[in-house]
Amino acid sequence: MGGSVSCCISPGESPKIHRRELELEECPITTTEDVSEDTGTYLQHISDRELPDELAQESNPSDHPRASTLFLNKSQTDVREKRKSNYLNHMSPGQLTKKYSSCSTIFIDDSTVSQPNLKSTIKCVALAMYYHIKNRDSNRTLDIFDEKKHPLTRDKVPDDYSVVDPEHKLIYRFIRTLFSSAQLTAECAIVTLVYLERLLTYAEMDICPCNWKRIVLGAILLASKVWDDQAVWNVDYCQILKDITVEDMNEMERHFLELLQFNINVPASVYAKYYFDLRSLADENNLSFPLEPLSNKRAQKLEAISRLCEDRYKDLSKSSMRRSVSVDNMVGIKSSHAVLS
């Protein structure tokens, strides 16, 4: 017994530990730092390979609902300057034209996330594009969107077409003309902005004075086909813009889809984020949505809609309870059969 104890106390005398040391010397442990890229012995895990793509997706606002929209970030510079100027000059931020609810009157607007107000939404989308152009980082563009190489009209393109930034009113009139002529909805305007920011992110380009019309036209064309049940054909846009050809529209649409990597999916969470960010942009720039007093007729309509939604939720909860009970009964029957057998 004493010999065994002394053997365990002295590691050098133990034949088991000595044999273990020989095995470790024959099979040395390699780390990731010791392995070169040429040996190929280190296999990267699939989660390590997919992590950069997931991070890139989370930073893309047109794909991920938690990422902040690009237009709202670009507008913050002007908003801070306006607030600073108003503070230094002791001026009010604007005329107090916004209506507020009181005990006797409740003001609500007719714009919701499912049915936005068309005119106000187009104004906000045009303002978002205005801030994109004004606060752009550079002038990266592609030839397919260059208005001088692919003009929309037969009129001569001005020499300073790539230098002068368009005003908000000009962008609004261009978008309003397309939407009114093609009879597009306000939801299509929000999806247009999503596709525009997705194009700028995927293609690593900027919307600038020389390409903004064709980029907006391509985004509207794609959004109308994806969102509306009865989409407008390319030839119909040629009737609105008299001097553009169908071949040019088809080529621009094909390039737009390729630059988007054919990713035309807009999740509901992303759509809702863009809607509420547009409303925030409107509040910061005094673009108020039209408010109207809540009438008895509209109050009854809202109450009816609320009751209908409550009834639907109750029916869904009852059906889910029935399914769970039926599953429990099925499990109980199977267990009883197993006991009897």
C-alpha atoms as a PDB file:
ATOM      1  CA  MET A   1       0.000   0.000   0.000  1.00  0.00           C
ATOM      2  CA  GLY A   2       2.813   2.366   0.891  1.00  0.00           C
ATOM      3  CA  GLY A   3       4.465   1.781  -2.487  1.00  0.00           C
ATOM      4  CA  SER A   4       1.296   2.650  -4.334  1.00  0.00           C
ATOM      5  CA  VAL A   5       0.945   5.868  -2.379  1.00  0.00           C
ATOM      6  CA  SER A   6       4.522   6.946  -3.085  1.00  0.00           C
ATOM      7  CA  CYS A   7       3.991   6.100  -6.737  1.00  0.00           C
ATOM      8  CA  CYS A   8       0.971   8.415  -6.924  1.00  0.00           C
ATOM      9  CA  ILE A   9       2.864  11.196  -5.160  1.00  0.00           C
ATOM     10  CA  SER A  10       5.784  11.024  -7.591  1.00  0.00           C
ATOM     11  CA  PRO A  11       4.432  11.558 -11.118  1.00  0.00           C
ATOM     12  CA  GLY A  12       7.712  10.674 -12.696  1.00  0.00           C
ATOM     13  CA  GLU A  13       7.544   7.161 -11.223  1.00  0.00           C
ATOM     14  CA  SER A  14       3.998   6.427 -12.445  1.00  0.00           C
ATOM     15  CA  PRO A  15       3.938   4.278 -15.607  1.00  0.00           C
ATOM     16  CA  LYS A  16       0.345   5.454 -16.433  1.00  0.00           C
ATOM     17  CA  ILE A  17       1.277   9.162 -16.364  1.00  0.00           C
ATOM     18  CA  HIS A  18       4.492   8.480 -18.270  1.00  0.00           C
ATOM     19  CA  ARG A  19       2.532   6.686 -20.991  1.00  0.00           C
ATOM     20  CA  ARG A  20       0.044   9.629 -21.116  1.00  0.00           C
ATOM     21  CA  GLU A  21       2.916  12.086 -21.630  1.00  0.00           C
ATOM     22  CA  LEU A  22       4.202  10.016 -24.552  1.00  0.00           C
ATOM     23  CA  GLU A  23       0.754  10.062 -26.144  1.00  0.00           C
ATOM     24  CA  LEU A  24       0.569  13.852 -25.793  1.00  0.00           C
ATOM     25  CA  GLU A  25       4.021  14.255 -27.333  1.00  0.00           C
ATOM     26  CA  GLU A  26       3.042  12.081 -30.305  1.00  0.00           C
ATOM     27  CA  CYS A  27      -0.238  13.996 -30.825  1.00  0.00           C
ATOM     28  CA  PRO A  28       0.462  17.678 -30.141  1.00  0.00           C
ATOM     29  CA  ILE A  29      -2.465  20.073 -29.822  1.00  0.00           C
ATOM     30  CA  THR A  30      -2.738  22.611 -32.616  1.00  0.00           C
ATOM     31  CA  THR A  31      -4.447  26.000 -32.230  1.00  0.00           C
ATOM     32  CA  THR A  32      -5.901  28.325 -34.806  1.00  0.00           C
ATOM     33  CA  GLU A  33      -2.895  30.624 -34.479  1.00  0.00           C
ATOM     34  CA  ASP A  34      -0.446  27.823 -35.315  1.00  0.00           C
ATOM     35  CA  VAL A  35      -2.341  26.616 -38.383  1.00  0.00           C
ATOM     36  CA  SER A  36      -1.558  28.411 -41.611  1.00  0.00           C
ATOM     37  CA  GLU A  37      -4.119  29.009 -44.305  1.00  0.00           C
ATOM     38  CA  ASP A  38      -2.292  26.724 -46.730  1.00  0.00           C
ATOM     39  CA  THR A  39      -2.411  23.592 -44.554  1.00  0.00           C
ATOM     40  CA  GLY A  40      -6.214  23.368 -44.625  1.00  0.00           C
ATOM     41  CA  THR A  41      -6.371  21.455 -41.313  1.00  0.00           C
ATOM     42  CA  TYR A  42      -8.565  24.114 -39.659  1.00  0.00           C
ATOM     43  CA  LEU A  43     -12.202  23.974 -40.825  1.00  0.00           C
ATOM     44  CA  GLN A  44     -14.196  27.141 -40.168  1.00  0.00           C
ATOM     45  CA  HIS A  45     -17.577  26.643 -38.575  1.00  0.00           C
ATOM     46  CA  ILE A  46     -20.622  27.493 -40.674  1.00  0.00           C
ATOM     47  CA  SER A  47     -21.839  30.008 -38.077  1.00  0.00           C
ATOM     48  CA  ASP A  48     -18.529  31.883 -38.359  1.00  0.00           C
ATOM     49  CA  ARG A  49     -18.933  32.098 -42.109  1.00  0.00           C
ATOM     50  CA  GLU A  50     -22.530  33.346 -41.939  1.00  0.00           C
ATOM     51  CA  LEU A  51     -21.973  35.922 -39.210  1.00  0.00           C
ATOM     52  CA  PRO A  52     -20.777  38.776 -41.469  1.00  0.00           C
ATOM     53  CA  ASP A  53     -23.795  38.326 -43.754  1.00  0.00           C
ATOM     54  CA  GLU A  54     -26.151  38.504 -40.792  1.00  0.00           C
ATOM     55  CA  LEU A  55     -24.446  41.633 -39.516  1.00  0.00           C
ATOM     56  CA  ALA A  56     -24.698  43.199 -42.958  1.00  0.00           C
ATOM     57  CA  GLN A  57     -28.397  42.359 -43.095  1.00  0.00           C
ATOM     58  CA  GLU A  58     -29.034  43.887 -39.674  1.00  0.00           C
ATOM     59  CA  SER A  59     -27.340  47.116 -40.788  1.00  0.00           C
ATOM     60  CA  ASN A  60     -29.524  47.301 -43.903  1.00  0.00           C
ATOM     61  CA  PRO A  61     -32.761  49.162 -43.046  1.00  0.00           C
ATOM     62  CA  SER A  62     -34.642  47.868 -46.094  1.00  0.00           C
ATOM     63  CA  ASP A  63     -34.201  44.271 -44.882  1.00  0.00           C
ATOM     64  CA  HIS A  64     -34.091  44.462 -41.086  1.00  0.00           C
ATOM     65  CA  PRO A  65     -36.729  46.209 -38.951  1.00  0.00           C
ATOM     66  CA  ARG A  66     -34.293  47.214 -36.188  1.00  0.00           C
ATOM     67  CA  ALA A  67     -31.947  49.165 -38.460  1.00  0.00           C
ATOM     68  CA  SER A  68     -32.617  52.884 -38.698  1.00  0.00           C
ATOM     69  CA  THR A  69     -33.793  54.199 -42.062  1.00  0.00           C
ATOM     70  CA  LEU A  70     -31.247  56.041 -44.175  1.00  0.00           C
ATOM     71  CA  PHE A  71     -33.437  59.036 -44.951  1.00  0.00           C
ATOM     72  CA  LEU A  72     -34.161  59.703 -41.273  1.00  0.00           C
ATOM     73  CA  ASN A  73     -30.426  59.684 -40.481  1.00  0.00           C
ATOM     74  CA  LYS A  74     -29.649  62.041 -43.355  1.00  0.00           C
ATOM     75  CA  SER A  75     -32.364  64.466 -42.266  1.00  0.00           C
ATOM     76  CA  GLN A  76     -31.057  64.796 -38.713  1.00  0.00           C
ATOM     77  CA  THR A  77     -28.289  67.193 -39.765  1.00  0.00           C
ATOM     78  CA  ASP A  78     -30.765  69.717 -41.164  1.00  0.00           C
ATOM     79  CA  VAL A  79     -33.154  69.235 -38.251  1.00  0.00           C
ATOM     80  CA  ARG A  80     -30.409  69.981 -35.725  1.00  0.00           C
ATOM     81  CA  GLU A  81     -29.354  73.071 -37.673  1.00  0.00           C
ATOM     82  CA  LYS A  82     -32.937  74.348 -37.740  1.00  0.00           C
ATOM     83  CA  ARG A  83     -33.328  73.831 -34.009  1.00  0.00           C
ATOM     84  CA  LYS A  84     -30.018  75.544 -33.319  1.00  0.00           C
ATOM     85  CA  SER A  85     -30.916  78.489 -35.538  1.00  0.00           C
ATOM     86  CA  ASN A  86     -34.330  78.862 -33.924  1.00  0.00           C
ATOM     87  CA  TYR A  87     -32.751  78.734 -30.479  1.00  0.00           C
ATOM     88  CA  LEU A  88     -30.109  81.351 -31.276  1.00  0.00           C
ATOM     89  CA  ASN A  89     -32.593  83.668 -32.958  1.00  0.00           C
ATOM     90  CA  HIS A  90     -35.236  83.078 -30.265  1.00  0.00           C
ATOM     91  CA  MET A  91     -37.714  82.044 -32.901  1.00  0.00           C
ATOM     92  CA  SER A  92     -40.543  79.576 -32.671  1.00  0.00           C
ATOM     93  CA  PRO A  93     -40.051  76.381 -34.707  1.00  0.00           C
ATOM     94  CA  GLY A  94     -42.948  77.371 -36.951  1.00  0.00           C
ATOM     95  CA  GLN A  95     -46.499  78.508 -37.032  1.00  0.00           C
ATOM     96  CA  LEU A  96     -48.690  76.758 -34.520  1.00  0.00           C
ATOM     97  CA  THR A  97     -51.008  75.331 -37.148  1.00  0.00           C
ATOM     98  CA  LYS A  98     -51.194  71.871 -35.606  1.00  0.00           C
ATOM     99  CA  LYS A  99     -54.494  71.043 -33.973  1.00  0.00           C
ATOM    100  CA  TYR A 100     -54.629  69.444 -30.557  1.00  0.00           C
ATOM    101  CA  SER A 101     -57.409  67.462 -28.946  1.00  0.00           C
ATOM    102  CA  SER A 102     -59.356  68.834 -25.996  1.00  0.00           C
ATOM    103  CA  CYS A 103     -62.047  67.593 -23.640  1.00  0.00           C
ATOM    104  CA  SER A 104     -64.805  68.582 -26.056  1.00  0.00           C
ATOM    105  CA  THR A 105     -63.135  67.808 -29.412  1.00  0.00           C
ATOM    106  CA  ILE A 106     -60.878  64.958 -30.548  1.00  0.00           C
ATOM    107  CA  PHE A 107     -58.795  65.461 -33.695  1.00  0.00           C
ATOM    108  CA  ILE A 108     -57.633  62.426 -35.659  1.00  0.00           C
ATOM    109  CA  ASP A 109     -56.169  62.006 -39.118  1.00  0.00           C
ATOM    110  CA  ASP A 110     -57.274  59.575 -41.769  1.00  0.00           C
ATOM    111  CA  SER A 111     -53.811  58.056 -42.206  1.00  0.00           C
ATOM    112  CA  THR A 112     -53.050  54.615 -40.774  1.00  0.00           C
ATOM    113  CA  VAL A 113     -50.301  52.117 -41.388  1.00  0.00           C
ATOM    114  CA  SER A 114     -52.666  49.996 -43.476  1.00  0.00           C
ATOM    115  CA  GLN A 115     -54.299  52.926 -45.307  1.00  0.00           C
ATOM    116  CA  PRO A 116     -51.966  55.949 -45.401  1.00  0.00           C
ATOM    117  CA  ASN A 117     -53.052  59.301 -46.715  1.00  0.00           C
ATOM    118  CA  LEU A 118     -51.916  59.477 -50.340  1.00  0.00           C
ATOM    119  CA  LYS A 119     -51.019  63.168 -50.630  1.00  0.00           C
ATOM    120  CA  SER A 120     -49.221  63.357 -47.280  1.00  0.00           C
ATOM    121  CA  THR A 121     -47.340  60.111 -47.922  1.00  0.00           C
ATOM    122  CA  ILE A 122     -46.091  61.292 -51.322  1.00  0.00           C
ATOM    123  CA  LYS A 123     -44.923  64.564 -49.753  1.00  0.00           C
ATOM    124  CA  CYS A 124     -43.001  62.671 -47.072  1.00  0.00           C
ATOM    125  CA  VAL A 125     -41.452  60.265 -49.586  1.00  0.00           C
ATOM    126  CA  ALA A 126     -40.389  63.196 -51.779  1.00  0.00           C
ATOM    127  CA  LEU A 127     -38.865  64.901 -48.728  1.00  0.00           C
ATOM    128  CA  ALA A 128     -36.966  61.722 -47.853  1.00  0.00           C
ATOM    129  CA  MET A 129     -35.523  61.610 -51.376  1.00  0.00           C
ATOM    130  CA  TYR A 130     -34.677  65.313 -51.119  1.00  0.00           C
ATOM    131  CA  TYR A 131     -32.559  64.670 -48.020  1.00  0.00           C
ATOM    132  CA  HIS A 132     -30.940  61.702 -49.756  1.00  0.00           C
ATOM    133  CA  ILE A 133     -29.801  63.954 -52.597  1.00  0.00           C
ATOM    134  CA  LYS A 134     -28.848  66.940 -50.467  1.00  0.00           C
ATOM    135  CA  ASN A 135     -26.824  65.051 -47.848  1.00  0.00           C
ATOM    136  CA  ARG A 136     -25.317  62.408 -50.127  1.00  0.00           C
ATOM    137  CA  ASP A 137     -21.814  61.165 -49.406  1.00  0.00           C
ATOM    138  CA  SER A 138     -20.569  61.203 -53.001  1.00  0.00           C
ATOM    139  CA  ASN A 139     -21.780  61.044 -56.618  1.00  0.00           C
ATOM    140  CA  ARG A 140     -21.482  57.333 -57.310  1.00  0.00           C
ATOM    141  CA  THR A 141     -23.838  56.348 -60.118  1.00  0.00           C
ATOM    142  CA  LEU A 142     -24.382  53.937 -63.006  1.00  0.00           C
ATOM    143  CA  ASP A 143     -24.845  54.702 -66.688  1.00  0.00           C
ATOM    144  CA  ILE A 144     -28.273  53.065 -66.837  1.00  0.00           C
ATOM    145  CA  PHE A 145     -29.614  55.746 -64.467  1.00  0.00           C
ATOM    146  CA  ASP A 146     -27.774  58.710 -65.985  1.00  0.00           C
ATOM    147  CA  GLU A 147     -30.373  61.071 -67.407  1.00  0.00           C
ATOM    148  CA  LYS A 148     -28.038  62.508 -70.031  1.00  0.00           C
ATOM    149  CA  LYS A 149     -27.206  59.078 -71.452  1.00  0.00           C
ATOM    150  CA  HIS A 150     -30.824  57.895 -71.141  1.00  0.00           C
ATOM    151  CA  PRO A 151     -33.009  61.027 -71.275  1.00  0.00           C
ATOM    152  CA  LEU A 152     -36.658  60.891 -70.268  1.00  0.00           C
ATOM    153  CA  THR A 153     -37.659  63.704 -72.622  1.00  0.00           C
ATOM    154  CA  ARG A 154     -36.535  65.052 -75.962  1.00  0.00           C
ATOM    155  CA  ASP A 155     -35.671  68.373 -74.414  1.00  0.00           C
ATOM    156  CA  LYS A 156     -32.002  69.169 -74.117  1.00  0.00           C
ATOM    157  CA  VAL A 157     -30.522  68.199 -70.779  1.00  0.00           C
ATOM    158  CA  PRO A 158     -29.010  71.280 -69.054  1.00  0.00           C
ATOM    159  CA  ASP A 159     -25.263  71.421 -68.688  1.00  0.00           C
ATOM    160  CA  ASP A 160     -25.552  71.757 -64.921  1.00  0.00           C
ATOM    161  CA  TYR A 161     -27.923  68.781 -64.600  1.00  0.00           C
ATOM    162  CA  SER A 162     -25.413  66.881 -62.445  1.00  0.00           C
ATOM    163  CA  VAL A 163     -24.615  69.814 -60.146  1.00  0.00           C
ATOM    164  CA  VAL A 164     -27.860  71.551 -59.140  1.00  0.00           C
ATOM    165  CA  ASP A 165     -29.822  69.707 -56.463  1.00  0.00           C
ATOM    166  CA  PRO A 166     -33.570  69.470 -57.136  1.00  0.00           C
ATOM    167  CA  GLU A 167     -35.973  71.163 -54.742  1.00  0.00           C
ATOM    168  CA  HIS A 168     -38.497  69.284 -52.687  1.00  0.00           C
ATOM    169  CA  LYS A 169     -41.373  70.642 -54.782  1.00  0.00           C
ATOM    170  CA  LEU A 170     -39.802  69.384 -58.019  1.00  0.00           C
ATOM    171  CA  ILE A 171     -39.402  65.865 -56.637  1.00  0.00           C
ATOM    172  CA  TYR A 172     -42.951  65.934 -55.286  1.00  0.00           C
ATOM    173  CA  ARG A 173     -44.426  67.015 -58.627  1.00  0.00           C
ATOM    174  CA  PHE A 174     -42.544  64.284 -60.481  1.00  0.00           C
ATOM    175  CA  ILE A 175     -43.768  61.560 -58.119  1.00  0.00           C
ATOM    176  CA  ARG A 176     -47.299  62.972 -57.916  1.00  0.00           C
ATOM    177  CA  THR A 177     -47.594  63.002 -61.720  1.00  0.00           C
ATOM    178  CA  LEU A 178     -46.662  59.326 -61.937  1.00  0.00           C
ATOM    179  CA  PHE A 179     -48.938  58.294 -59.083  1.00  0.00           C
ATOM    180  CA  SER A 180     -51.957  60.250 -60.278  1.00  0.00           C
ATOM    181  CA  SER A 181     -51.578  59.097 -63.885  1.00  0.00           C
ATOM    182  CA  ALA A 182     -51.011  55.449 -62.992  1.00  0.00           C
ATOM    183  CA  GLN A 183     -53.555  55.579 -60.118  1.00  0.00           C
ATOM    184  CA  LEU A 184     -51.134  54.118 -57.597  1.00  0.00           C
ATOM    185  CA  THR A 185     -51.777  53.826 -53.857  1.00  0.00           C
ATOM    186  CA  ALA A 186     -50.011  55.356 -50.874  1.00  0.00           C
ATOM    187  CA  GLU A 187     -48.671  51.946 -49.821  1.00  0.00           C
ATOM    188  CA  CYS A 188     -46.882  51.779 -53.167  1.00  0.00           C
ATOM    189  CA  ALA A 189     -45.077  55.037 -52.301  1.00  0.00           C
ATOM    190  CA  ILE A 190     -43.701  53.535 -49.096  1.00  0.00           C
ATOM    191  CA  VAL A 191     -42.540  50.395 -50.918  1.00  0.00           C
ATOM    192  CA  THR A 192     -40.921  52.666 -53.527  1.00  0.00           C
ATOM    193  CA  LEU A 193     -38.800  54.255 -50.795  1.00  0.00           C
ATOM    194  CA  VAL A 194     -37.861  50.812 -49.449  1.00  0.00           C
ATOM    195  CA  TYR A 195     -36.658  49.697 -52.898  1.00  0.00           C
ATOM    196  CA  LEU A 196     -34.759  52.952 -53.388  1.00  0.00           C
ATOM    197  CA  GLU A 197     -32.789  52.574 -50.163  1.00  0.00           C
ATOM    198  CA  ARG A 198     -32.217  48.892 -50.896  1.00  0.00           C
ATOM    199  CA  LEU A 199     -30.769  49.837 -54.278  1.00  0.00           C
ATOM    200  CA  LEU A 200     -28.436  52.419 -52.730  1.00  0.00           C
ATOM    201  CA  THR A 201     -27.241  49.866 -50.173  1.00  0.00           C
ATOM    202  CA  TYR A 202     -26.859  46.847 -52.445  1.00  0.00           C
ATOM    203  CA  ALA A 203     -25.330  48.680 -55.410  1.00  0.00           C
ATOM    204  CA  GLU A 204     -23.219  51.024 -53.209  1.00  0.00           C
ATOM    205  CA  MET A 205     -24.324  54.071 -55.155  1.00  0.00           C
ATOM    206  CA  ASP A 206     -25.822  57.489 -54.423  1.00  0.00           C
ATOM    207  CA  ILE A 207     -28.934  59.249 -55.616  1.00  0.00           C
ATOM    208  CA  CYS A 208     -27.782  62.562 -57.062  1.00  0.00           C
ATOM    209  CA  PRO A 209     -29.051  65.246 -59.484  1.00  0.00           C
ATOM    210  CA  CYS A 210     -28.011  63.282 -62.577  1.00  0.00           C
ATOM    211  CA  ASN A 211     -29.857  60.040 -61.758  1.00  0.00           C
ATOM    212  CA  TRP A 212     -32.681  60.730 -59.299  1.00  0.00           C
ATOM    213  CA  LYS A 213     -35.496  60.741 -61.866  1.00  0.00           C
ATOM    214  CA  ARG A 214     -34.612  57.377 -63.396  1.00  0.00           C
ATOM    215  CA  ILE A 215     -33.975  55.776 -59.994  1.00  0.00           C
ATOM    216  CA  VAL A 216     -37.340  56.994 -58.712  1.00  0.00           C
ATOM    217  CA  LEU A 217     -39.034  55.842 -61.910  1.00  0.00           C
ATOM    218  CA  GLY A 218     -37.460  52.379 -61.645  1.00  0.00           C
ATOM    219  CA  ALA A 219     -38.464  52.054 -57.977  1.00  0.00           C
ATOM    220  CA  ILE A 220     -42.055  53.119 -58.724  1.00  0.00           C
ATOM    221  CA  LEU A 221     -42.228  50.743 -61.670  1.00  0.00           C
ATOM    222  CA  LEU A 222     -41.095  47.802 -59.561  1.00  0.00           C
ATOM    223  CA  ALA A 223     -43.199  48.714 -56.515  1.00  0.00           C
ATOM    224  CA  SER A 224     -46.364  49.029 -58.595  1.00  0.00           C
ATOM    225  CA  LYS A 225     -45.857  45.548 -60.045  1.00  0.00           C
ATOM    226  CA  VAL A 226     -45.110  43.939 -56.693  1.00  0.00           C
ATOM    227  CA  TRP A 227     -47.667  45.729 -54.518  1.00  0.00           C
ATOM    228  CA  ASP A 228     -50.722  46.443 -56.692  1.00  0.00           C
ATOM    229  CA  ASP A 229     -52.911  43.582 -57.858  1.00  0.00           C
ATOM    230  CA  GLN A 230     -53.478  45.256 -61.218  1.00  0.00           C
ATOM    231  CA  ALA A 231     -50.000  46.445 -62.076  1.00  0.00           C
ATOM    232  CA  VAL A 232     -49.258  49.145 -64.602  1.00  0.00           C
ATOM    233  CA  TRP A 233     -47.439  47.878 -67.676  1.00  0.00           C
ATOM    234  CA  ASN A 234     -44.226  49.427 -68.940  1.00  0.00           C
ATOM    235  CA  VAL A 235     -45.994  50.644 -72.046  1.00  0.00           C
ATOM    236  CA  ASP A 236     -48.405  52.592 -69.833  1.00  0.00           C
ATOM    237  CA  TYR A 237     -45.516  54.576 -68.364  1.00  0.00           C
ATOM    238  CA  CYS A 238     -44.505  55.397 -71.920  1.00  0.00           C
ATOM    239  CA  GLN A 239     -47.898  57.056 -72.292  1.00  0.00           C
ATOM    240  CA  ILE A 240     -47.198  59.162 -69.203  1.00  0.00           C
ATOM    241  CA  LEU A 241     -43.618  60.022 -70.205  1.00  0.00           C
ATOM    242  CA  LYS A 242     -44.149  60.554 -73.902  1.00  0.00           C
ATOM    243  CA  ASP A 243     -40.528  60.430 -75.061  1.00  0.00           C
ATOM    244  CA  ILE A 244     -39.319  57.267 -73.293  1.00  0.00           C
ATOM    245  CA  THR A 245     -39.293  53.937 -75.124  1.00  0.00           C
ATOM    246  CA  VAL A 246     -40.479  50.543 -73.939  1.00  0.00           C
ATOM    247  CA  GLU A 247     -37.035  49.061 -74.587  1.00  0.00           C
ATOM    248  CA  ASP A 248     -35.476  51.628 -72.261  1.00  0.00           C
ATOM    249  CA  MET A 249     -38.046  50.856 -69.561  1.00  0.00           C
ATOM    250  CA  ASN A 250     -37.430  47.124 -69.874  1.00  0.00           C
ATOM    251  CA  GLU A 251     -33.661  47.549 -69.697  1.00  0.00           C
ATOM    252  CA  MET A 252     -33.895  49.802 -66.643  1.00  0.00           C
ATOM    253  CA  GLU A 253     -36.238  47.378 -64.893  1.00  0.00           C
ATOM    254  CA  ARG A 254     -33.895  44.457 -65.607  1.00  0.00           C
ATOM    255  CA  HIS A 255     -30.875  46.336 -64.238  1.00  0.00           C
ATOM    256  CA  PHE A 256     -32.867  47.444 -61.184  1.00  0.00           C
ATOM    257  CA  LEU A 257     -33.806  43.855 -60.363  1.00  0.00           C
ATOM    258  CA  GLU A 258     -30.251  42.623 -60.859  1.00  0.00           C
ATOM    259  CA  LEU A 259     -28.887  45.327 -58.565  1.00  0.00           C
ATOM    260  CA  LEU A 260     -31.466  44.355 -55.946  1.00  0.00           C
ATOM    261  CA  GLN A 261     -30.296  40.749 -56.344  1.00  0.00           C
ATOM    262  CA  PHE A 262     -33.967  39.989 -57.112  1.00  0.00           C
ATOM    263  CA  ASN A 263     -34.834  40.680 -53.478  1.00  0.00           C
ATOM    264  CA  ILE A 264     -38.249  42.324 -53.779  1.00  0.00           C
ATOM    265  CA  ASN A 265     -39.615  41.054 -50.466  1.00  0.00           C
ATOM    266  CA  VAL A 266     -40.781  43.744 -48.033  1.00  0.00           C
ATOM    267  CA  PRO A 267     -41.642  42.323 -44.588  1.00  0.00           C
ATOM    268  CA  ALA A 268     -44.541  43.857 -42.705  1.00  0.00           C
ATOM    269  CA  SER A 269     -42.210  44.997 -39.910  1.00  0.00           C
ATOM    270  CA  VAL A 270     -39.985  46.860 -42.399  1.00  0.00           C
ATOM    271  CA  TYR A 271     -43.010  48.466 -44.042  1.00  0.00           C
ATOM    272  CA  ALA A 272     -44.347  49.632 -40.667  1.00  0.00           C
ATOM    273  CA  LYS A 273     -40.944  51.031 -39.699  1.00  0.00           C
ATOM    274  CA  TYR A 274     -40.765  53.121 -42.871  1.00  0.00           C
ATOM    275  CA  TYR A 275     -44.322  54.376 -42.351  1.00  0.00           C
ATOM    276  CA  PHE A 276     -43.683  55.591 -38.809  1.00  0.00           C
ATOM    277  CA  ASP A 277     -40.270  57.046 -39.732  1.00  0.00           C
ATOM    278  CA  LEU A 278     -41.991  59.014 -42.498  1.00  0.00           C
ATOM    279  CA  ARG A 279     -44.434  60.360 -39.932  1.00  0.00           C
ATOM    280  CA  SER A 280     -41.502  61.340 -37.711  1.00  0.00           C
ATOM    281  CA  LEU A 281     -39.922  63.089 -40.683  1.00  0.00           C
ATOM    282  CA  ALA A 282     -43.169  64.959 -41.277  1.00  0.00           C
ATOM    283  CA  ASP A 283     -43.340  66.135 -37.662  1.00  0.00           C
ATOM    284  CA  GLU A 284     -39.748  67.363 -37.715  1.00  0.00           C
ATOM    285  CA  ASN A 285     -40.342  69.352 -40.925  1.00  0.00           C
ATOM    286  CA  ASN A 286     -43.809  70.742 -40.116  1.00  0.00           C
ATOM    287  CA  LEU A 287     -45.557  68.524 -42.674  1.00  0.00           C
ATOM    288  CA  SER A 288     -48.631  67.760 -40.652  1.00  0.00           C
ATOM    289  CA  PHE A 289     -51.134  65.140 -41.729  1.00  0.00           C
ATOM    290  CA  PRO A 290     -54.671  66.525 -42.201  1.00  0.00           C
ATOM    291  CA  LEU A 291     -56.603  66.411 -38.919  1.00  0.00           C
ATOM    292  CA  GLU A 292     -60.378  66.408 -38.639  1.00  0.00           C
ATOM    293  CA  PRO A 293     -62.686  66.431 -35.624  1.00  0.00           C
ATOM    294  CA  LEU A 294     -64.009  63.041 -34.648  1.00  0.00           C
ATOM    295  CA  SER A 295     -67.659  62.943 -35.713  1.00  0.00           C
ATOM    296  CA  ASN A 296     -70.364  60.661 -34.371  1.00  0.00           C
ATOM    297  CA  LYS A 297     -70.486  58.728 -37.638  1.00  0.00           C
ATOM    298  CA  ARG A 298     -66.760  58.065 -37.644  1.00  0.00           C
ATOM    299  CA  ALA A 299     -66.769  57.195 -33.940  1.00  0.00           C
ATOM    300  CA  GLN A 300     -69.446  54.582 -34.569  1.00  0.00           C
ATOM    301  CA  LYS A 301     -67.426  53.231 -37.492  1.00  0.00           C
ATOM    302  CA  LEU A 302     -64.282  52.944 -35.352  1.00  0.00           C
ATOM    303  CA  GLU A 303     -66.272  51.231 -32.614  1.00  0.00           C
ATOM    304  CA  ALA A 304     -67.693  48.755 -35.131  1.00  0.00           C
ATOM    305  CA  ILE A 305     -64.230  47.979 -36.467  1.00  0.00           C
ATOM    306  CA  SER A 306     -62.961  47.492 -32.906  1.00  0.00           C
ATOM    307  CA  ARG A 307     -65.784  45.082 -32.103  1.00  0.00           C
ATOM    308  CA  LEU A 308     -65.156  43.160 -35.312  1.00  0.00           C
ATOM    309  CA  CYS A 309     -61.475  42.775 -34.429  1.00  0.00           C
ATOM    310  CA  GLU A 310     -62.370  41.632 -30.905  1.00  0.00           C
ATOM    311  CA  ASP A 311     -64.768  39.020 -32.275  1.00  0.00           C
ATOM    312  CA  ARG A 312     -62.104  37.736 -34.653  1.00  0.00           C
ATOM    313  CA  TYR A 313     -59.575  37.442 -31.835  1.00  0.00           C
ATOM    314  CA  LYS A 314     -62.124  35.587 -29.708  1.00  0.00           C
ATOM    315  CA  ASP A 315     -62.830  33.149 -32.540  1.00  0.00           C
ATOM    316  CA  LEU A 316     -59.112  32.574 -33.039  1.00  0.00           C
ATOM    317  CA  SER A 317     -58.569  31.952 -29.337  1.00  0.00           C
ATOM    318  CA  LYS A 318     -61.505  29.527 -29.221  1.00  0.00           C
ATOM    319  CA  SER A 319     -60.233  27.595 -32.233  1.00  0.00           C
ATOM    320  CA  SER A 320     -56.759  27.389 -30.711  1.00  0.00           C
ATOM    321  CA  MET A 321     -58.242  26.133 -27.440  1.00  0.00           C
ATOM    322  CA  ARG A 322     -60.224  23.471 -29.316  1.00  0.00           C
ATOM    323  CA  ARG A 323     -57.094  22.330 -31.106  1.00  0.00           C
ATOM    324  CA  SER A 324     -55.151  22.078 -27.853  1.00  0.00           C
ATOM    325  CA  VAL A 325     -57.991  20.143 -26.183  1.00  0.00           C
ATOM    326  CA  SER A 326     -58.267  17.769 -29.135  1.00  0.00           C
ATOM    327  CA  VAL A 327     -54.525  17.162 -29.041  1.00  0.00           C
ATOM    328  CA  ASP A 328     -54.680  16.470 -25.293  1.00  0.00           C
ATOM    329  CA  ASN A 329     -57.554  14.023 -25.841  1.00  0.00           C
ATOM    330  CA  MET A 330     -55.610  12.307 -28.595  1.00  0.00           C
ATOM    331  CA  VAL A 331     -52.588  11.944 -26.335  1.00  0.00           C
ATOM    332  CA  GLY A 332     -54.802  10.603 -23.529  1.00  0.00           C
ATOM    333  CA  ILE A 333     -56.435   8.030 -25.836  1.00  0.00           C
ATOM    334  CA  LYS A 334     -53.054   6.836 -27.081  1.00  0.00           C
ATOM    335  CA  SER A 335     -51.729   6.525 -23.534  1.00  0.00           C
ATOM    336  CA  SER A 336     -54.814   4.559 -22.427  1.00  0.00           C
ATOM    337  CA  HIS A 337     -54.430   2.187 -25.399  1.00  0.00           C
ATOM    338  CA  ALA A 338     -50.805   1.691 -24.482  1.00  0.00           C
ATOM    339  CA  VAL A 339     -51.745   0.801 -20.885  1.00  0.00           C
ATOM    340  CA  LEU A 340     -54.455  -1.645 -22.012  1.00  0.00           C
ATOM    341  CA  SER A 341     -52.147  -3.345 -24.461  1.00  0.00           C
END
